[in-house]
Amino acid sequence: MPRSLKKGPYIEERLIKRIAGMKKGDKTILKVWKRAVTITPEMVGFTFGVHNGKEFIPVYVSEDMVGHKLGEFSPTTKFVRHGGKMQKELEVKAQVKQAEPAPAKK
């Protein structure tokens, strides 16, 4: 439990009001900057644009996500690749494999 039971989960009231005014299954993306908001059952079926510091990542909320934070589903860093000699060898093998012509079908 990230917060004490006495305090309860962190929920933004303005966000709940915006959700209450929408229909279930509406395709509108609600932009959210507060990544620490806990997902509640009222949020299921809506799509949120969660800000990752640069852009808004669309997150469709399902029943499995209830109790988690919105920020957990919008990564802030992008994995590029590992470096080094082994990685270069793997990339060369992948390029050679792609360059080989596909066998002809009969």
PDB file of N, CA and C in Angstrom:
ATOM      1  N   MET A   1       0.855  -1.175   0.000  1.00  0.00           N
ATOM      2  CA  MET A   1       0.000   0.000   0.000  1.00  0.00           C
ATOM      3  C   MET A   1       0.900   1.236   0.000  1.00  0.00           C
ATOM      4  N   PRO A   2       0.841   2.057  -1.040  1.00  0.00           N
ATOM      5  CA  PRO A   2       1.726   3.206  -1.114  1.00  0.00           C
ATOM      6  C   PRO A   2       1.341   4.349  -0.181  1.00  0.00           C
ATOM      7  N   ARG A   3       0.083   4.405   0.242  1.00  0.00           N
ATOM      8  CA  ARG A   3      -0.374   5.468   1.138  1.00  0.00           C
ATOM      9  C   ARG A   3      -1.038   4.832   2.340  1.00  0.00           C
ATOM     10  N   SER A   4      -1.096   5.537   3.457  1.00  0.00           N
ATOM     11  CA  SER A   4      -1.714   4.960   4.642  1.00  0.00           C
ATOM     12  C   SER A   4      -3.217   4.783   4.430  1.00  0.00           C
ATOM     13  N   LEU A   5      -3.785   3.797   5.089  1.00  0.00           N
ATOM     14  CA  LEU A   5      -5.218   3.536   4.970  1.00  0.00           C
ATOM     15  C   LEU A   5      -6.029   4.707   5.512  1.00  0.00           C
ATOM     16  N   LYS A   6      -5.474   5.402   6.475  1.00  0.00           N
ATOM     17  CA  LYS A   6      -6.157   6.550   7.055  1.00  0.00           C
ATOM     18  C   LYS A   6      -6.355   7.662   6.009  1.00  0.00           C
ATOM     19  N   LYS A   7      -5.339   7.885   5.180  1.00  0.00           N
ATOM     20  CA  LYS A   7      -5.416   8.925   4.151  1.00  0.00           C
ATOM     21  C   LYS A   7      -6.212   8.472   2.936  1.00  0.00           C
ATOM     22  N   GLY A   8      -6.126   7.208   2.585  1.00  0.00           N
ATOM     23  CA  GLY A   8      -6.815   6.710   1.401  1.00  0.00           C
ATOM     24  C   GLY A   8      -5.986   6.940   0.147  1.00  0.00           C
ATOM     25  N   PRO A   9      -6.450   6.440  -1.002  1.00  0.00           N
ATOM     26  CA  PRO A   9      -5.692   6.595  -2.251  1.00  0.00           C
ATOM     27  C   PRO A   9      -5.723   8.032  -2.751  1.00  0.00           C
ATOM     28  N   TYR A  10      -4.680   8.419  -3.504  1.00  0.00           N
ATOM     29  CA  TYR A  10      -4.618   9.756  -4.082  1.00  0.00           C
ATOM     30  C   TYR A  10      -5.431   9.775  -5.366  1.00  0.00           C
ATOM     31  N   ILE A  11      -6.505  10.560  -5.358  1.00  0.00           N
ATOM     32  CA  ILE A  11      -7.388  10.669  -6.520  1.00  0.00           C
ATOM     33  C   ILE A  11      -7.645  12.152  -6.757  1.00  0.00           C
ATOM     34  N   GLU A  12      -7.517  12.575  -7.991  1.00  0.00           N
ATOM     35  CA  GLU A  12      -7.776  13.970  -8.334  1.00  0.00           C
ATOM     36  C   GLU A  12      -9.270  14.153  -8.567  1.00  0.00           C
ATOM     37  N   GLU A  13      -9.882  15.042  -7.814  1.00  0.00           N
ATOM     38  CA  GLU A  13     -11.332  15.239  -7.884  1.00  0.00           C
ATOM     39  C   GLU A  13     -11.769  15.791  -9.238  1.00  0.00           C
ATOM     40  N   ARG A  14     -10.968  16.684  -9.821  1.00  0.00           N
ATOM     41  CA  ARG A  14     -11.317  17.261 -11.125  1.00  0.00           C
ATOM     42  C   ARG A  14     -11.378  16.180 -12.201  1.00  0.00           C
ATOM     43  N   LEU A  15     -10.487  15.201 -12.104  1.00  0.00           N
ATOM     44  CA  LEU A  15     -10.468  14.114 -13.079  1.00  0.00           C
ATOM     45  C   LEU A  15     -11.722  13.243 -12.951  1.00  0.00           C
ATOM     46  N   ILE A  16     -12.145  12.975 -11.722  1.00  0.00           N
ATOM     47  CA  ILE A  16     -13.357  12.181 -11.495  1.00  0.00           C
ATOM     48  C   ILE A  16     -14.585  12.920 -12.022  1.00  0.00           C
ATOM     49  N   LYS A  17     -14.620  14.239 -11.855  1.00  0.00           N
ATOM     50  CA  LYS A  17     -15.738  15.031 -12.377  1.00  0.00           C
ATOM     51  C   LYS A  17     -15.778  14.985 -13.906  1.00  0.00           C
ATOM     52  N   ARG A  18     -14.617  15.052 -14.542  1.00  0.00           N
ATOM     53  CA  ARG A  18     -14.560  14.980 -16.014  1.00  0.00           C
ATOM     54  C   ARG A  18     -15.034  13.617 -16.506  1.00  0.00           C
ATOM     55  N   ILE A  19     -14.671  12.567 -15.777  1.00  0.00           N
ATOM     56  CA  ILE A  19     -15.092  11.219 -16.164  1.00  0.00           C
ATOM     57  C   ILE A  19     -16.599  11.062 -15.992  1.00  0.00           C
ATOM     58  N   ALA A  20     -17.156  11.636 -14.938  1.00  0.00           N
ATOM     59  CA  ALA A  20     -18.588  11.516 -14.664  1.00  0.00           C
ATOM     60  C   ALA A  20     -19.424  12.145 -15.778  1.00  0.00           C
ATOM     61  N   GLY A  21     -18.898  13.149 -16.444  1.00  0.00           N
ATOM     62  CA  GLY A  21     -19.621  13.805 -17.522  1.00  0.00           C
ATOM     63  C   GLY A  21     -19.510  13.115 -18.861  1.00  0.00           C
ATOM     64  N   MET A  22     -18.752  12.023 -18.932  1.00  0.00           N
ATOM     65  CA  MET A  22     -18.549  11.306 -20.202  1.00  0.00           C
ATOM     66  C   MET A  22     -19.319   9.994 -20.194  1.00  0.00           C
ATOM     67  N   LYS A  23     -19.562   9.472 -21.406  1.00  0.00           N
ATOM     68  CA  LYS A  23     -20.220   8.174 -21.549  1.00  0.00           C
ATOM     69  C   LYS A  23     -19.177   7.067 -21.474  1.00  0.00           C
ATOM     70  N   LYS A  24     -19.608   5.903 -21.016  1.00  0.00           N
ATOM     71  CA  LYS A  24     -18.716   4.738 -20.928  1.00  0.00           C
ATOM     72  C   LYS A  24     -18.290   4.322 -22.338  1.00  0.00           C
ATOM     73  N   GLY A  25     -17.014   4.100 -22.549  1.00  0.00           N
ATOM     74  CA  GLY A  25     -16.502   3.667 -23.845  1.00  0.00           C
ATOM     75  C   GLY A  25     -16.254   4.811 -24.807  1.00  0.00           C
ATOM     76  N   ASP A  26     -16.322   6.054 -24.338  1.00  0.00           N
ATOM     77  CA  ASP A  26     -16.063   7.216 -25.179  1.00  0.00           C
ATOM     78  C   ASP A  26     -14.597   7.188 -25.619  1.00  0.00           C
ATOM     79  N   LYS A  27     -14.327   7.498 -26.876  1.00  0.00           N
ATOM     80  CA  LYS A  27     -12.977   7.417 -27.426  1.00  0.00           C
ATOM     81  C   LYS A  27     -12.148   8.676 -27.182  1.00  0.00           C
ATOM     82  N   THR A  28     -12.705   9.664 -26.502  1.00  0.00           N
ATOM     83  CA  THR A  28     -11.970  10.894 -26.209  1.00  0.00           C
ATOM     84  C   THR A  28     -10.819  10.593 -25.258  1.00  0.00           C
ATOM     85  N   ILE A  29      -9.653  11.165 -25.561  1.00  0.00           N
ATOM     86  CA  ILE A  29      -8.484  10.974 -24.703  1.00  0.00           C
ATOM     87  C   ILE A  29      -8.425  12.126 -23.711  1.00  0.00           C
ATOM     88  N   LEU A  30      -8.435  11.804 -22.425  1.00  0.00           N
ATOM     89  CA  LEU A  30      -8.342  12.801 -21.361  1.00  0.00           C
ATOM     90  C   LEU A  30      -6.873  13.017 -21.016  1.00  0.00           C
ATOM     91  N   LYS A  31      -6.377  14.231 -21.192  1.00  0.00           N
ATOM     92  CA  LYS A  31      -4.978  14.528 -20.898  1.00  0.00           C
ATOM     93  C   LYS A  31      -4.783  14.665 -19.391  1.00  0.00           C
ATOM     94  N   VAL A  32      -3.751  13.995 -18.889  1.00  0.00           N
ATOM     95  CA  VAL A  32      -3.461  13.995 -17.454  1.00  0.00           C
ATOM     96  C   VAL A  32      -1.965  14.242 -17.264  1.00  0.00           C
ATOM     97  N   TRP A  33      -1.642  15.195 -16.412  1.00  0.00           N
ATOM     98  CA  TRP A  33      -0.246  15.466 -16.076  1.00  0.00           C
ATOM     99  C   TRP A  33       0.138  14.807 -14.759  1.00  0.00           C
ATOM    100  N   LYS A  34      -0.833  14.496 -13.930  1.00  0.00           N
ATOM    101  CA  LYS A  34      -0.549  13.929 -12.610  1.00  0.00           C
ATOM    102  C   LYS A  34      -0.447  12.414 -12.704  1.00  0.00           C
ATOM    103  N   ARG A  35       0.790  11.926 -12.707  1.00  0.00           N
ATOM    104  CA  ARG A  35       1.052  10.503 -12.868  1.00  0.00           C
ATOM    105  C   ARG A  35       0.790   9.717 -11.589  1.00  0.00           C
ATOM    106  N   ALA A  36       0.675  10.398 -10.454  1.00  0.00           N
ATOM    107  CA  ALA A  36       0.525   9.735  -9.161  1.00  0.00           C
ATOM    108  C   ALA A  36      -0.926   9.391  -8.828  1.00  0.00           C
ATOM    109  N   VAL A  37      -1.851   9.702  -9.722  1.00  0.00           N
ATOM    110  CA  VAL A  37      -3.268   9.437  -9.467  1.00  0.00           C
ATOM    111  C   VAL A  37      -3.513   7.929  -9.487  1.00  0.00           C
ATOM    112  N   THR A  38      -4.191   7.433  -8.459  1.00  0.00           N
ATOM    113  CA  THR A  38      -4.526   6.013  -8.376  1.00  0.00           C
ATOM    114  C   THR A  38      -5.727   5.720  -9.267  1.00  0.00           C
ATOM    115  N   ILE A  39      -5.669   4.623 -10.011  1.00  0.00           N
ATOM    116  CA  ILE A  39      -6.765   4.236 -10.910  1.00  0.00           C
ATOM    117  C   ILE A  39      -7.892   3.628 -10.074  1.00  0.00           C
ATOM    118  N   THR A  40      -9.097   4.144 -10.273  1.00  0.00           N
ATOM    119  CA  THR A  40     -10.279   3.680  -9.551  1.00  0.00           C
ATOM    120  C   THR A  40     -11.206   2.938 -10.503  1.00  0.00           C
ATOM    121  N   PRO A  41     -12.172   2.191  -9.999  1.00  0.00           N
ATOM    122  CA  PRO A  41     -13.110   1.463 -10.871  1.00  0.00           C
ATOM    123  C   PRO A  41     -13.917   2.377 -11.794  1.00  0.00           C
ATOM    124  N   GLU A  42     -14.106   3.650 -11.424  1.00  0.00           N
ATOM    125  CA  GLU A  42     -14.837   4.578 -12.288  1.00  0.00           C
ATOM    126  C   GLU A  42     -14.072   4.891 -13.565  1.00  0.00           C
ATOM    127  N   MET A  43     -12.756   4.698 -13.563  1.00  0.00           N
ATOM    128  CA  MET A  43     -11.912   5.036 -14.707  1.00  0.00           C
ATOM    129  C   MET A  43     -11.847   3.929 -15.752  1.00  0.00           C
ATOM    130  N   VAL A  44     -12.360   2.748 -15.438  1.00  0.00           N
ATOM    131  CA  VAL A  44     -12.277   1.606 -16.351  1.00  0.00           C
ATOM    132  C   VAL A  44     -13.074   1.906 -17.615  1.00  0.00           C
ATOM    133  N   GLY A  45     -12.457   1.663 -18.774  1.00  0.00           N
ATOM    134  CA  GLY A  45     -13.121   1.858 -20.055  1.00  0.00           C
ATOM    135  C   GLY A  45     -12.805   3.186 -20.719  1.00  0.00           C
ATOM    136  N   PHE A  46     -12.014   4.033 -20.065  1.00  0.00           N
ATOM    137  CA  PHE A  46     -11.648   5.321 -20.628  1.00  0.00           C
ATOM    138  C   PHE A  46     -10.182   5.319 -21.030  1.00  0.00           C
ATOM    139  N   THR A  47      -9.830   6.226 -21.959  1.00  0.00           N
ATOM    140  CA  THR A  47      -8.447   6.363 -22.397  1.00  0.00           C
ATOM    141  C   THR A  47      -7.888   7.673 -21.864  1.00  0.00           C
ATOM    142  N   PHE A  48      -6.725   7.586 -21.225  1.00  0.00           N
ATOM    143  CA  PHE A  48      -6.066   8.753 -20.658  1.00  0.00           C
ATOM    144  C   PHE A  48      -4.770   9.002 -21.411  1.00  0.00           C
ATOM    145  N   GLY A  49      -4.478  10.264 -21.672  1.00  0.00           N
ATOM    146  CA  GLY A  49      -3.195  10.654 -22.234  1.00  0.00           C
ATOM    147  C   GLY A  49      -2.296  11.051 -21.080  1.00  0.00           C
ATOM    148  N   VAL A  50      -1.421  10.146 -20.657  1.00  0.00           N
ATOM    149  CA  VAL A  50      -0.570  10.382 -19.491  1.00  0.00           C
ATOM    150  C   VAL A  50       0.739  11.013 -19.949  1.00  0.00           C
ATOM    151  N   HIS A  51       1.077  12.143 -19.368  1.00  0.00           N
ATOM    152  CA  HIS A  51       2.275  12.875 -19.771  1.00  0.00           C
ATOM    153  C   HIS A  51       3.520  12.197 -19.225  1.00  0.00           C
ATOM    154  N   ASN A  52       4.523  11.995 -20.095  1.00  0.00           N
ATOM    155  CA  ASN A  52       5.752  11.348 -19.649  1.00  0.00           C
ATOM    156  C   ASN A  52       6.919  12.330 -19.572  1.00  0.00           C
ATOM    157  N   GLY A  53       6.620  13.621 -19.660  1.00  0.00           N
ATOM    158  CA  GLY A  53       7.661  14.630 -19.620  1.00  0.00           C
ATOM    159  C   GLY A  53       7.906  15.244 -20.972  1.00  0.00           C
ATOM    160  N   LYS A  54       7.507  14.548 -22.033  1.00  0.00           N
ATOM    161  CA  LYS A  54       7.718  15.045 -23.383  1.00  0.00           C
ATOM    162  C   LYS A  54       6.426  15.012 -24.192  1.00  0.00           C
ATOM    163  N   GLU A  55       5.680  13.931 -24.075  1.00  0.00           N
ATOM    164  CA  GLU A  55       4.456  13.765 -24.861  1.00  0.00           C
ATOM    165  C   GLU A  55       3.420  13.009 -24.038  1.00  0.00           C
ATOM    166  N   PHE A  56       2.225  12.894 -24.576  1.00  0.00           N
ATOM    167  CA  PHE A  56       1.151  12.180 -23.902  1.00  0.00           C
ATOM    168  C   PHE A  56       1.058  10.764 -24.465  1.00  0.00           C
ATOM    169  N   ILE A  57       1.179   9.778 -23.607  1.00  0.00           N
ATOM    170  CA  ILE A  57       1.098   8.370 -23.986  1.00  0.00           C
ATOM    171  C   ILE A  57      -0.332   7.905 -23.732  1.00  0.00           C
ATOM    172  N   PRO A  58      -1.054   7.422 -24.768  1.00  0.00           N
ATOM    173  CA  PRO A  58      -2.427   6.960 -24.527  1.00  0.00           C
ATOM    174  C   PRO A  58      -2.438   5.662 -23.718  1.00  0.00           C
ATOM    175  N   VAL A  59      -3.252   5.653 -22.653  1.00  0.00           N
ATOM    176  CA  VAL A  59      -3.369   4.494 -21.772  1.00  0.00           C
ATOM    177  C   VAL A  59      -4.845   4.154 -21.649  1.00  0.00           C
ATOM    178  N   TYR A  60      -5.232   2.977 -22.171  1.00  0.00           N
ATOM    179  CA  TYR A  60      -6.606   2.515 -22.035  1.00  0.00           C
ATOM    180  C   TYR A  60      -6.698   1.745 -20.723  1.00  0.00           C
ATOM    181  N   VAL A  61      -7.597   2.150 -19.846  1.00  0.00           N
ATOM    182  CA  VAL A  61      -7.692   1.567 -18.508  1.00  0.00           C
ATOM    183  C   VAL A  61      -8.622   0.353 -18.540  1.00  0.00           C
ATOM    184  N   SER A  62      -8.097  -0.784 -18.073  1.00  0.00           N
ATOM    185  CA  SER A  62      -8.886  -2.009 -17.960  1.00  0.00           C
ATOM    186  C   SER A  62      -9.035  -2.370 -16.478  1.00  0.00           C
ATOM    187  N   GLU A  63      -9.797  -3.408 -16.196  1.00  0.00           N
ATOM    188  CA  GLU A  63     -10.065  -3.794 -14.808  1.00  0.00           C
ATOM    189  C   GLU A  63      -8.805  -4.238 -14.070  1.00  0.00           C
ATOM    190  N   ASP A  64      -7.831  -4.778 -14.793  1.00  0.00           N
ATOM    191  CA  ASP A  64      -6.593  -5.247 -14.165  1.00  0.00           C
ATOM    192  C   ASP A  64      -5.771  -4.094 -13.581  1.00  0.00           C
ATOM    193  N   MET A  65      -5.987  -2.878 -14.060  1.00  0.00           N
ATOM    194  CA  MET A  65      -5.174  -1.731 -13.662  1.00  0.00           C
ATOM    195  C   MET A  65      -5.670  -1.044 -12.394  1.00  0.00           C
ATOM    196  N   VAL A  66      -6.828  -1.408 -11.896  1.00  0.00           N
ATOM    197  CA  VAL A  66      -7.396  -0.742 -10.717  1.00  0.00           C
ATOM    198  C   VAL A  66      -6.457  -0.925  -9.527  1.00  0.00           C
ATOM    199  N   GLY A  67      -6.162   0.192  -8.849  1.00  0.00           N
ATOM    200  CA  GLY A  67      -5.255   0.164  -7.706  1.00  0.00           C
ATOM    201  C   GLY A  67      -3.851   0.600  -8.048  1.00  0.00           C
ATOM    202  N   HIS A  68      -3.497   0.584  -9.330  1.00  0.00           N
ATOM    203  CA  HIS A  68      -2.175   1.033  -9.763  1.00  0.00           C
ATOM    204  C   HIS A  68      -2.201   2.535 -10.010  1.00  0.00           C
ATOM    205  N   LYS A  69      -1.050   3.108 -10.307  1.00  0.00           N
ATOM    206  CA  LYS A  69      -0.936   4.530 -10.624  1.00  0.00           C
ATOM    207  C   LYS A  69      -0.939   4.709 -12.137  1.00  0.00           C
ATOM    208  N   LEU A  70      -1.410   5.868 -12.612  1.00  0.00           N
ATOM    209  CA  LEU A  70      -1.420   6.140 -14.052  1.00  0.00           C
ATOM    210  C   LEU A  70      -0.002   6.175 -14.622  1.00  0.00           C
ATOM    211  N   GLY A  71       0.940   6.675 -13.862  1.00  0.00           N
ATOM    212  CA  GLY A  71       2.316   6.797 -14.328  1.00  0.00           C
ATOM    213  C   GLY A  71       3.012   5.472 -14.580  1.00  0.00           C
ATOM    214  N   GLU A  72       2.513   4.387 -14.014  1.00  0.00           N
ATOM    215  CA  GLU A  72       3.130   3.073 -14.218  1.00  0.00           C
ATOM    216  C   GLU A  72       2.997   2.596 -15.659  1.00  0.00           C
ATOM    217  N   PHE A  73       2.024   3.132 -16.381  1.00  0.00           N
ATOM    218  CA  PHE A  73       1.744   2.659 -17.732  1.00  0.00           C
ATOM    219  C   PHE A  73       2.214   3.641 -18.795  1.00  0.00           C
ATOM    220  N   SER A  74       2.985   4.636 -18.394  1.00  0.00           N
ATOM    221  CA  SER A  74       3.549   5.617 -19.311  1.00  0.00           C
ATOM    222  C   SER A  74       5.034   5.770 -19.005  1.00  0.00           C
ATOM    223  N   PRO A  75       5.895   4.986 -19.660  1.00  0.00           N
ATOM    224  CA  PRO A  75       7.321   5.042 -19.338  1.00  0.00           C
ATOM    225  C   PRO A  75       7.936   6.398 -19.685  1.00  0.00           C
ATOM    226  N   THR A  76       8.843   6.859 -18.835  1.00  0.00           N
ATOM    227  CA  THR A  76       9.480   8.155 -19.032  1.00  0.00           C
ATOM    228  C   THR A  76      10.801   8.042 -19.770  1.00  0.00           C
ATOM    229  N   THR A  77      11.351   6.862 -19.865  1.00  0.00           N
ATOM    230  CA  THR A  77      12.604   6.674 -20.584  1.00  0.00           C
ATOM    231  C   THR A  77      12.397   5.699 -21.726  1.00  0.00           C
ATOM    232  N   LYS A  78      13.199   5.851 -22.762  1.00  0.00           N
ATOM    233  CA  LYS A  78      13.101   4.989 -23.932  1.00  0.00           C
ATOM    234  C   LYS A  78      14.387   4.179 -24.055  1.00  0.00           C
ATOM    235  N   PHE A  79      14.254   2.858 -24.071  1.00  0.00           N
ATOM    236  CA  PHE A  79      15.429   2.000 -24.201  1.00  0.00           C
ATOM    237  C   PHE A  79      15.894   2.024 -25.647  1.00  0.00           C
ATOM    238  N   VAL A  80      17.136   2.374 -25.879  1.00  0.00           N
ATOM    239  CA  VAL A  80      17.677   2.422 -27.227  1.00  0.00           C
ATOM    240  C   VAL A  80      18.345   1.095 -27.547  1.00  0.00           C
ATOM    241  N   ARG A  81      19.438   0.795 -26.878  1.00  0.00           N
ATOM    242  CA  ARG A  81      20.114  -0.489 -27.034  1.00  0.00           C
ATOM    243  C   ARG A  81      21.321  -0.519 -26.118  1.00  0.00           C
ATOM    244  N   HIS A  82      21.826  -1.713 -25.899  1.00  0.00           N
ATOM    245  CA  HIS A  82      23.080  -1.866 -25.185  1.00  0.00           C
ATOM    246  C   HIS A  82      24.209  -1.647 -26.171  1.00  0.00           C
ATOM    247  N   GLY A  83      25.337  -1.239 -25.685  1.00  0.00           N
ATOM    248  CA  GLY A  83      26.480  -1.020 -26.551  1.00  0.00           C
ATOM    249  C   GLY A  83      27.473  -2.154 -26.435  1.00  0.00           C
ATOM    250  N   GLY A  84      28.598  -1.994 -27.064  1.00  0.00           N
ATOM    251  CA  GLY A  84      29.675  -2.952 -26.925  1.00  0.00           C
ATOM    252  C   GLY A  84      29.827  -3.868 -28.124  1.00  0.00           C
ATOM    253  N   LYS A  85      30.850  -4.719 -28.033  1.00  0.00           N
ATOM    254  CA  LYS A  85      31.237  -5.595 -29.130  1.00  0.00           C
ATOM    255  C   LYS A  85      30.178  -6.661 -29.418  1.00  0.00           C
ATOM    256  N   MET A  86      29.601  -7.260 -28.372  1.00  0.00           N
ATOM    257  CA  MET A  86      28.604  -8.321 -28.576  1.00  0.00           C
ATOM    258  C   MET A  86      27.361  -7.780 -29.271  1.00  0.00           C
ATOM    259  N   GLN A  87      26.936  -6.596 -28.911  1.00  0.00           N
ATOM    260  CA  GLN A  87      25.745  -6.008 -29.512  1.00  0.00           C
ATOM    261  C   GLN A  87      25.974  -5.731 -30.993  1.00  0.00           C
ATOM    262  N   LYS A  88      27.153  -5.242 -31.339  1.00  0.00           N
ATOM    263  CA  LYS A  88      27.464  -4.970 -32.749  1.00  0.00           C
ATOM    264  C   LYS A  88      27.445  -6.256 -33.560  1.00  0.00           C
ATOM    265  N   GLU A  89      27.974  -7.358 -33.006  1.00  0.00           N
ATOM    266  CA  GLU A  89      27.961  -8.647 -33.705  1.00  0.00           C
ATOM    267  C   GLU A  89      26.532  -9.125 -33.934  1.00  0.00           C
ATOM    268  N   LEU A  90      25.664  -8.959 -32.939  1.00  0.00           N
ATOM    269  CA  LEU A  90      24.268  -9.363 -33.085  1.00  0.00           C
ATOM    270  C   LEU A  90      23.559  -8.539 -34.160  1.00  0.00           C
ATOM    271  N   GLU A  91      23.868  -7.254 -34.222  1.00  0.00           N
ATOM    272  CA  GLU A  91      23.243  -6.392 -35.225  1.00  0.00           C
ATOM    273  C   GLU A  91      23.705  -6.766 -36.629  1.00  0.00           C
ATOM    274  N   VAL A  92      24.989  -7.099 -36.786  1.00  0.00           N
ATOM    275  CA  VAL A  92      25.510  -7.499 -38.095  1.00  0.00           C
ATOM    276  C   VAL A  92      24.834  -8.788 -38.544  1.00  0.00           C
ATOM    277  N   LYS A  93      24.672  -9.756 -37.644  1.00  0.00           N
ATOM    278  CA  LYS A  93      23.995 -11.009 -37.983  1.00  0.00           C
ATOM    279  C   LYS A  93      22.555 -10.754 -38.398  1.00  0.00           C
ATOM    280  N   ALA A  94      21.877  -9.849 -37.717  1.00  0.00           N
ATOM    281  CA  ALA A  94      20.487  -9.534 -38.049  1.00  0.00           C
ATOM    282  C   ALA A  94      20.388  -8.880 -39.418  1.00  0.00           C
ATOM    283  N   GLN A  95      21.345  -8.011 -39.758  1.00  0.00           N
ATOM    284  CA  GLN A  95      21.331  -7.357 -41.062  1.00  0.00           C
ATOM    285  C   GLN A  95      21.590  -8.360 -42.175  1.00  0.00           C
ATOM    286  N   VAL A  96      22.506  -9.308 -41.955  1.00  0.00           N
ATOM    287  CA  VAL A  96      22.812 -10.332 -42.952  1.00  0.00           C
ATOM    288  C   VAL A  96      21.586 -11.219 -43.176  1.00  0.00           C
ATOM    289  N   LYS A  97      20.914 -11.552 -42.101  1.00  0.00           N
ATOM    290  CA  LYS A  97      19.723 -12.398 -42.196  1.00  0.00           C
ATOM    291  C   LYS A  97      18.624 -11.692 -42.984  1.00  0.00           C
ATOM    292  N   GLN A  98      18.464 -10.392 -42.789  1.00  0.00           N
ATOM    293  CA  GLN A  98      17.445  -9.633 -43.527  1.00  0.00           C
ATOM    294  C   GLN A  98      17.806  -9.480 -44.989  1.00  0.00           C
ATOM    295  N   ALA A  99      19.100  -9.405 -45.284  1.00  0.00           N
ATOM    296  CA  ALA A  99      19.556  -9.187 -46.654  1.00  0.00           C
ATOM    297  C   ALA A  99      19.426 -10.447 -47.505  1.00  0.00           C
ATOM    298  N   GLU A 100      19.391 -11.606 -46.884  1.00  0.00           N
ATOM    299  CA  GLU A 100      19.261 -12.847 -47.657  1.00  0.00           C
ATOM    300  C   GLU A 100      17.895 -12.888 -48.338  1.00  0.00           C
ATOM    301  N   PRO A 101      17.878 -13.284 -49.626  1.00  0.00           N
ATOM    302  CA  PRO A 101      16.589 -13.351 -50.325  1.00  0.00           C
ATOM    303  C   PRO A 101      15.725 -14.477 -49.767  1.00  0.00           C
ATOM    304  N   ALA A 102      14.449 -14.244 -49.731  1.00  0.00           N
ATOM    305  CA  ALA A 102      13.515 -15.259 -49.243  1.00  0.00           C
ATOM    306  C   ALA A 102      13.373 -16.363 -50.282  1.00  0.00           C
ATOM    307  N   PRO A 103      13.197 -17.630 -49.854  1.00  0.00           N
ATOM    308  CA  PRO A 103      13.028 -18.714 -50.830  1.00  0.00           C
ATOM    309  C   PRO A 103      11.729 -18.533 -51.613  1.00  0.00           C
ATOM    310  N   ALA A 104      11.798 -18.843 -52.914  1.00  0.00           N
ATOM    311  CA  ALA A 104      10.638 -18.683 -53.794  1.00  0.00           C
ATOM    312  C   ALA A 104       9.602 -19.750 -53.512  1.00  0.00           C
ATOM    313  N   LYS A 105       8.329 -19.359 -53.572  1.00  0.00           N
ATOM    314  CA  LYS A 105       7.231 -20.310 -53.371  1.00  0.00           C
ATOM    315  C   LYS A 105       6.812 -20.886 -54.701  1.00  0.00           C
ATOM    316  N   LYS A 106       6.354 -22.124 -54.659  1.00  0.00           N
ATOM    317  CA  LYS A 106       5.877 -22.764 -55.891  1.00  0.00           C
ATOM    318  C   LYS A 106       4.417 -22.519 -56.110  1.00  0.00           C
TER     319      LYS A 106
END
